[in-house]
């Protein structure tokens, strides 16, 4: 079954995002945990926090792009704030988009992804 993966050190924010998405979503609190989940499942969309505890989101993104099972996944970066410089860097890498803000803002941005929501 295809699932969304949310890699975020903030477990409350990850749980909130997972709760508003209709497809099954898994959460990971670190890049290593996310890598393990990606090896075991099919994740056509991955949401990555830029500030993971064991490696930054940019490193995890590079790993995703080098591995055939995750190479074609849609990737959205999750930022702690609305830092336009970091958002621009994410987009230059080839991210599908950037998510940030309080829960209401995140809900609106998630709707723009085109993913089914609850």
N, C-alpha and C. Protein backbone atom coordinates (compact mmCIF):
# COMPACT_ATOMS: atom_id res chain seq x y z
N UNK A 1 0.84 -1.18 0.00
CA UNK A 1 0.00 0.00 0.00
C UNK A 1 0.89 1.24 0.00
N UNK A 2 0.53 2.21 -0.79
CA UNK A 2 1.29 3.45 -0.86
C UNK A 2 1.00 4.30 0.37
N UNK A 3 2.05 4.86 0.92
CA UNK A 3 1.93 5.64 2.14
C UNK A 3 2.74 6.92 2.03
N UNK A 4 2.33 7.91 2.79
CA UNK A 4 3.08 9.15 2.90
C UNK A 4 4.03 9.00 4.08
N UNK A 5 5.22 9.51 3.94
CA UNK A 5 6.18 9.48 5.04
C UNK A 5 6.47 10.91 5.48
N UNK A 6 6.40 11.13 6.78
CA UNK A 6 6.69 12.45 7.35
C UNK A 6 7.90 12.28 8.27
N UNK A 7 9.02 12.88 7.90
CA UNK A 7 10.24 12.83 8.71
C UNK A 7 10.39 14.17 9.40
N UNK A 8 10.11 14.19 10.70
CA UNK A 8 10.11 15.44 11.46
C UNK A 8 10.51 15.17 12.90
N UNK A 9 11.41 15.96 13.41
CA UNK A 9 11.84 15.82 14.80
C UNK A 9 10.75 16.28 15.78
N UNK A 10 9.82 17.07 15.30
CA UNK A 10 8.71 17.56 16.12
C UNK A 10 7.55 16.57 15.99
N UNK A 11 7.44 15.65 16.95
CA UNK A 11 6.45 14.58 16.85
C UNK A 11 5.02 15.10 16.85
N UNK A 12 4.75 16.19 17.54
CA UNK A 12 3.39 16.74 17.55
C UNK A 12 3.01 17.29 16.17
N UNK A 13 3.94 17.99 15.54
CA UNK A 13 3.66 18.53 14.21
C UNK A 13 3.50 17.39 13.20
N UNK A 14 4.37 16.36 13.29
CA UNK A 14 4.26 15.21 12.39
C UNK A 14 2.92 14.50 12.56
N UNK A 15 2.49 14.33 13.81
CA UNK A 15 1.21 13.67 14.08
C UNK A 15 0.04 14.51 13.53
N UNK A 16 0.14 15.82 13.66
CA UNK A 16 -0.91 16.68 13.12
C UNK A 16 -1.00 16.53 11.61
N UNK A 17 0.13 16.60 10.94
CA UNK A 17 0.14 16.47 9.48
C UNK A 17 -0.44 15.11 9.07
N UNK A 18 -0.01 14.05 9.75
CA UNK A 18 -0.52 12.71 9.43
C UNK A 18 -2.02 12.63 9.65
N UNK A 19 -2.53 13.34 10.64
CA UNK A 19 -3.96 13.26 10.96
C UNK A 19 -4.86 13.94 9.92
N UNK A 20 -4.33 14.89 9.17
CA UNK A 20 -5.17 15.58 8.19
C UNK A 20 -5.06 14.99 6.79
N UNK A 21 -4.12 14.10 6.57
CA UNK A 21 -3.97 13.47 5.27
C UNK A 21 -4.80 12.19 5.21
N UNK A 22 -5.46 11.96 4.09
CA UNK A 22 -6.31 10.78 3.95
C UNK A 22 -5.52 9.50 3.69
N UNK A 23 -4.48 9.50 2.86
CA UNK A 23 -3.75 8.25 2.69
C UNK A 23 -3.05 7.89 4.00
N UNK A 24 -2.74 6.62 4.19
CA UNK A 24 -1.98 6.27 5.39
C UNK A 24 -0.66 7.05 5.42
N UNK A 25 -0.29 7.48 6.60
CA UNK A 25 0.96 8.23 6.76
C UNK A 25 1.76 7.64 7.91
N UNK A 26 3.05 7.51 7.69
CA UNK A 26 3.97 7.09 8.74
C UNK A 26 4.78 8.29 9.16
N UNK A 27 5.19 8.32 10.41
CA UNK A 27 6.05 9.40 10.88
C UNK A 27 7.37 8.81 11.37
N UNK A 28 8.41 9.60 11.21
CA UNK A 28 9.75 9.23 11.67
C UNK A 28 10.35 10.44 12.36
N UNK A 29 11.00 10.24 13.48
CA UNK A 29 11.59 11.34 14.23
C UNK A 29 13.03 11.65 13.86
N UNK A 30 13.59 10.85 12.95
CA UNK A 30 14.98 11.07 12.55
C UNK A 30 15.16 10.61 11.11
N UNK A 31 16.26 11.00 10.51
CA UNK A 31 16.56 10.59 9.13
C UNK A 31 16.79 9.09 9.07
N UNK A 32 17.49 8.53 10.03
CA UNK A 32 17.75 7.09 10.04
C UNK A 32 16.45 6.29 10.11
N UNK A 33 15.54 6.73 10.97
CA UNK A 33 14.25 6.06 11.08
C UNK A 33 13.47 6.18 9.76
N UNK A 34 13.53 7.34 9.14
CA UNK A 34 12.87 7.54 7.85
C UNK A 34 13.46 6.62 6.78
N UNK A 35 14.77 6.48 6.76
CA UNK A 35 15.43 5.60 5.79
C UNK A 35 14.97 4.16 5.97
N UNK A 36 14.86 3.72 7.20
CA UNK A 36 14.38 2.36 7.46
C UNK A 36 12.96 2.16 6.94
N UNK A 37 12.08 3.12 7.22
CA UNK A 37 10.70 3.02 6.73
C UNK A 37 10.64 3.03 5.21
N UNK A 38 11.50 3.83 4.57
CA UNK A 38 11.51 3.90 3.11
C UNK A 38 11.99 2.59 2.49
N UNK A 39 12.87 1.90 3.18
CA UNK A 39 13.34 0.61 2.67
C UNK A 39 12.23 -0.45 2.72
N UNK A 40 11.28 -0.28 3.63
CA UNK A 40 10.23 -1.27 3.85
C UNK A 40 8.93 -0.99 3.11
N UNK A 41 8.71 0.22 2.65
CA UNK A 41 7.41 0.55 2.07
C UNK A 41 7.50 1.38 0.81
N UNK A 42 6.34 1.66 0.26
CA UNK A 42 6.22 2.46 -0.95
C UNK A 42 5.70 3.84 -0.53
N UNK A 43 6.53 4.86 -0.68
CA UNK A 43 6.19 6.22 -0.25
C UNK A 43 6.29 7.17 -1.44
N UNK A 44 5.17 7.40 -2.15
CA UNK A 44 5.21 8.28 -3.31
C UNK A 44 5.34 9.76 -2.92
N UNK A 45 5.06 10.07 -1.65
CA UNK A 45 5.26 11.44 -1.17
C UNK A 45 5.96 11.40 0.17
N UNK A 46 6.95 12.26 0.31
CA UNK A 46 7.74 12.33 1.54
C UNK A 46 7.83 13.79 1.96
N UNK A 47 7.53 14.03 3.23
CA UNK A 47 7.65 15.37 3.80
C UNK A 47 8.83 15.31 4.76
N UNK A 48 9.83 16.17 4.52
CA UNK A 48 11.08 16.14 5.28
C UNK A 48 11.30 17.46 6.01
N UNK A 49 11.53 17.38 7.30
CA UNK A 49 11.94 18.56 8.05
C UNK A 49 13.38 18.90 7.68
N UNK A 50 13.67 20.16 7.56
CA UNK A 50 15.03 20.59 7.26
C UNK A 50 15.96 20.30 8.44
N UNK A 51 15.41 20.32 9.65
CA UNK A 51 16.25 20.18 10.85
C UNK A 51 15.99 18.88 11.59
N UNK A 52 16.46 17.77 11.02
CA UNK A 52 16.36 16.48 11.69
C UNK A 52 17.55 16.33 12.64
N UNK A 53 17.41 15.55 13.70
CA UNK A 53 18.47 15.48 14.71
C UNK A 53 19.76 14.79 14.26
N UNK A 54 19.68 13.83 13.35
CA UNK A 54 20.87 13.06 12.99
C UNK A 54 21.50 13.47 11.66
N UNK A 55 20.77 14.13 10.82
CA UNK A 55 21.31 14.72 9.59
C UNK A 55 20.28 15.73 9.11
N UNK A 56 20.72 16.71 8.37
CA UNK A 56 19.72 17.71 7.97
C UNK A 56 18.88 17.18 6.80
N UNK A 57 17.77 17.81 6.58
CA UNK A 57 16.84 17.38 5.54
C UNK A 57 17.44 17.40 4.14
N UNK A 58 18.41 18.29 3.91
CA UNK A 58 19.05 18.34 2.60
C UNK A 58 19.85 17.06 2.34
N UNK A 59 20.53 16.57 3.36
CA UNK A 59 21.28 15.31 3.21
C UNK A 59 20.33 14.14 2.95
N UNK A 60 19.22 14.12 3.68
CA UNK A 60 18.24 13.06 3.47
C UNK A 60 17.66 13.15 2.06
N UNK A 61 17.41 14.34 1.58
CA UNK A 61 16.89 14.54 0.23
C UNK A 61 17.87 13.97 -0.81
N UNK A 62 19.15 14.25 -0.62
CA UNK A 62 20.16 13.73 -1.55
C UNK A 62 20.15 12.20 -1.53
N UNK A 63 20.04 11.61 -0.35
CA UNK A 63 19.97 10.15 -0.22
C UNK A 63 18.76 9.62 -0.99
N UNK A 64 17.62 10.29 -0.85
CA UNK A 64 16.40 9.88 -1.56
C UNK A 64 16.61 9.85 -3.07
N UNK A 65 17.26 10.86 -3.57
CA UNK A 65 17.45 10.99 -5.02
C UNK A 65 18.47 10.00 -5.56
N UNK A 66 19.33 9.46 -4.71
CA UNK A 66 20.33 8.48 -5.16
C UNK A 66 19.83 7.05 -5.09
N UNK A 67 18.70 6.81 -4.44
CA UNK A 67 18.17 5.45 -4.26
C UNK A 67 16.98 5.22 -5.18
N UNK A 68 17.07 4.19 -6.04
CA UNK A 68 16.00 3.94 -7.02
C UNK A 68 14.58 3.87 -6.44
N UNK A 69 14.33 3.22 -5.30
CA UNK A 69 12.94 3.15 -4.82
C UNK A 69 12.34 4.51 -4.45
N UNK A 70 13.17 5.49 -4.11
CA UNK A 70 12.64 6.79 -3.67
C UNK A 70 12.98 7.92 -4.64
N UNK A 71 13.67 7.58 -5.70
CA UNK A 71 14.13 8.59 -6.65
C UNK A 71 13.01 9.44 -7.24
N UNK A 72 11.86 8.83 -7.50
CA UNK A 72 10.75 9.54 -8.14
C UNK A 72 9.71 10.08 -7.15
N UNK A 73 9.95 9.91 -5.87
CA UNK A 73 8.98 10.37 -4.87
C UNK A 73 8.83 11.89 -4.91
N UNK A 74 7.61 12.35 -4.66
CA UNK A 74 7.39 13.80 -4.51
C UNK A 74 7.88 14.16 -3.11
N UNK A 75 8.69 15.20 -3.04
CA UNK A 75 9.28 15.59 -1.75
C UNK A 75 8.93 17.03 -1.43
N UNK A 76 8.39 17.22 -0.24
CA UNK A 76 8.10 18.55 0.30
C UNK A 76 8.97 18.75 1.52
N UNK A 77 9.55 19.93 1.64
CA UNK A 77 10.33 20.25 2.84
C UNK A 77 9.44 20.93 3.86
N UNK A 78 9.72 20.65 5.11
CA UNK A 78 9.00 21.22 6.23
C UNK A 78 9.96 22.13 6.98
N UNK A 79 9.62 23.42 7.03
CA UNK A 79 10.48 24.41 7.69
C UNK A 79 9.89 24.82 9.03
N UNK A 80 10.77 25.18 9.95
CA UNK A 80 10.31 25.64 11.26
C UNK A 80 9.70 27.04 11.18
N UNK A 81 10.16 27.83 10.25
CA UNK A 81 9.65 29.20 10.08
C UNK A 81 9.52 29.50 8.61
N UNK A 82 9.25 30.73 8.28
CA UNK A 82 9.06 31.11 6.88
C UNK A 82 10.32 31.75 6.31
N UNK A 83 11.45 31.12 6.52
CA UNK A 83 12.74 31.59 6.03
C UNK A 83 12.79 31.45 4.50
N UNK A 84 12.68 32.57 3.81
CA UNK A 84 12.63 32.54 2.35
C UNK A 84 13.92 32.04 1.71
N UNK A 85 15.04 32.29 2.35
CA UNK A 85 16.32 31.82 1.80
C UNK A 85 16.37 30.29 1.81
N UNK A 86 15.95 29.69 2.93
CA UNK A 86 15.94 28.23 3.02
C UNK A 86 14.90 27.64 2.08
N UNK A 87 13.74 28.28 1.99
CA UNK A 87 12.69 27.81 1.07
C UNK A 87 13.20 27.83 -0.37
N UNK A 88 13.90 28.88 -0.74
CA UNK A 88 14.44 28.98 -2.10
C UNK A 88 15.48 27.88 -2.34
N UNK A 89 16.30 27.58 -1.34
CA UNK A 89 17.30 26.52 -1.47
C UNK A 89 16.61 25.17 -1.69
N UNK A 90 15.53 24.93 -0.98
CA UNK A 90 14.76 23.69 -1.14
C UNK A 90 14.25 23.56 -2.58
N UNK A 91 13.71 24.64 -3.09
CA UNK A 91 13.16 24.61 -4.43
C UNK A 91 14.25 24.45 -5.49
N UNK A 92 15.41 25.06 -5.27
CA UNK A 92 16.53 24.90 -6.22
C UNK A 92 16.98 23.44 -6.28
N UNK A 93 16.88 22.73 -5.15
CA UNK A 93 17.26 21.31 -5.14
C UNK A 93 16.31 20.46 -5.97
N UNK A 94 15.09 20.95 -6.16
CA UNK A 94 14.11 20.19 -6.92
C UNK A 94 12.92 19.72 -6.09
N UNK A 95 12.76 20.27 -4.89
CA UNK A 95 11.61 19.89 -4.05
C UNK A 95 10.31 20.27 -4.75
N UNK A 96 9.27 19.54 -4.43
CA UNK A 96 7.94 19.83 -4.98
C UNK A 96 7.28 21.01 -4.28
N UNK A 97 7.75 21.33 -3.09
CA UNK A 97 7.19 22.45 -2.36
C UNK A 97 7.76 22.56 -0.96
N UNK A 98 7.30 23.58 -0.27
CA UNK A 98 7.76 23.87 1.09
C UNK A 98 6.53 24.10 1.96
N UNK A 99 6.53 23.51 3.14
CA UNK A 99 5.45 23.67 4.12
C UNK A 99 6.02 24.33 5.36
N UNK A 100 5.26 25.24 5.95
CA UNK A 100 5.70 25.88 7.20
C UNK A 100 4.50 26.53 7.87
N UNK A 101 4.68 26.85 9.12
CA UNK A 101 3.67 27.60 9.83
C UNK A 101 2.88 26.81 10.85
N UNK A 102 1.93 27.49 11.44
CA UNK A 102 1.05 26.92 12.45
C UNK A 102 0.10 25.92 11.80
N UNK A 103 -0.60 25.09 12.60
CA UNK A 103 -1.48 24.06 12.03
C UNK A 103 -2.46 24.56 10.97
N UNK A 104 -3.10 25.69 11.17
CA UNK A 104 -4.05 26.19 10.17
C UNK A 104 -3.34 26.47 8.84
N UNK A 105 -2.17 27.06 8.91
CA UNK A 105 -1.38 27.35 7.71
C UNK A 105 -0.94 26.05 7.03
N UNK A 106 -0.50 25.07 7.85
CA UNK A 106 -0.09 23.79 7.28
C UNK A 106 -1.25 23.10 6.58
N UNK A 107 -2.44 23.16 7.16
CA UNK A 107 -3.61 22.54 6.53
C UNK A 107 -3.86 23.15 5.16
N UNK A 108 -3.79 24.46 5.07
CA UNK A 108 -4.01 25.14 3.79
C UNK A 108 -2.94 24.75 2.78
N UNK A 109 -1.69 24.70 3.20
CA UNK A 109 -0.61 24.33 2.29
C UNK A 109 -0.73 22.87 1.84
N UNK A 110 -1.13 21.99 2.76
CA UNK A 110 -1.31 20.59 2.39
C UNK A 110 -2.41 20.42 1.36
N UNK A 111 -3.47 21.21 1.46
CA UNK A 111 -4.53 21.14 0.46
C UNK A 111 -3.99 21.48 -0.92
N UNK A 112 -3.03 22.39 -0.99
CA UNK A 112 -2.45 22.80 -2.26
C UNK A 112 -1.61 21.70 -2.89
N UNK A 113 -1.20 20.70 -2.12
CA UNK A 113 -0.38 19.61 -2.66
C UNK A 113 -1.19 18.71 -3.58
N UNK A 114 -2.52 18.78 -3.46
CA UNK A 114 -3.37 17.92 -4.25
C UNK A 114 -3.61 16.56 -3.62
N UNK A 115 -3.09 16.35 -2.43
CA UNK A 115 -3.30 15.07 -1.75
C UNK A 115 -4.68 15.04 -1.11
N UNK A 116 -5.30 13.87 -1.10
CA UNK A 116 -6.61 13.79 -0.43
C UNK A 116 -6.46 14.01 1.07
N UNK A 117 -7.36 14.79 1.60
CA UNK A 117 -7.32 15.10 3.03
C UNK A 117 -8.60 14.61 3.68
N UNK A 118 -8.51 14.38 4.97
CA UNK A 118 -9.69 13.96 5.73
C UNK A 118 -10.63 15.09 5.93
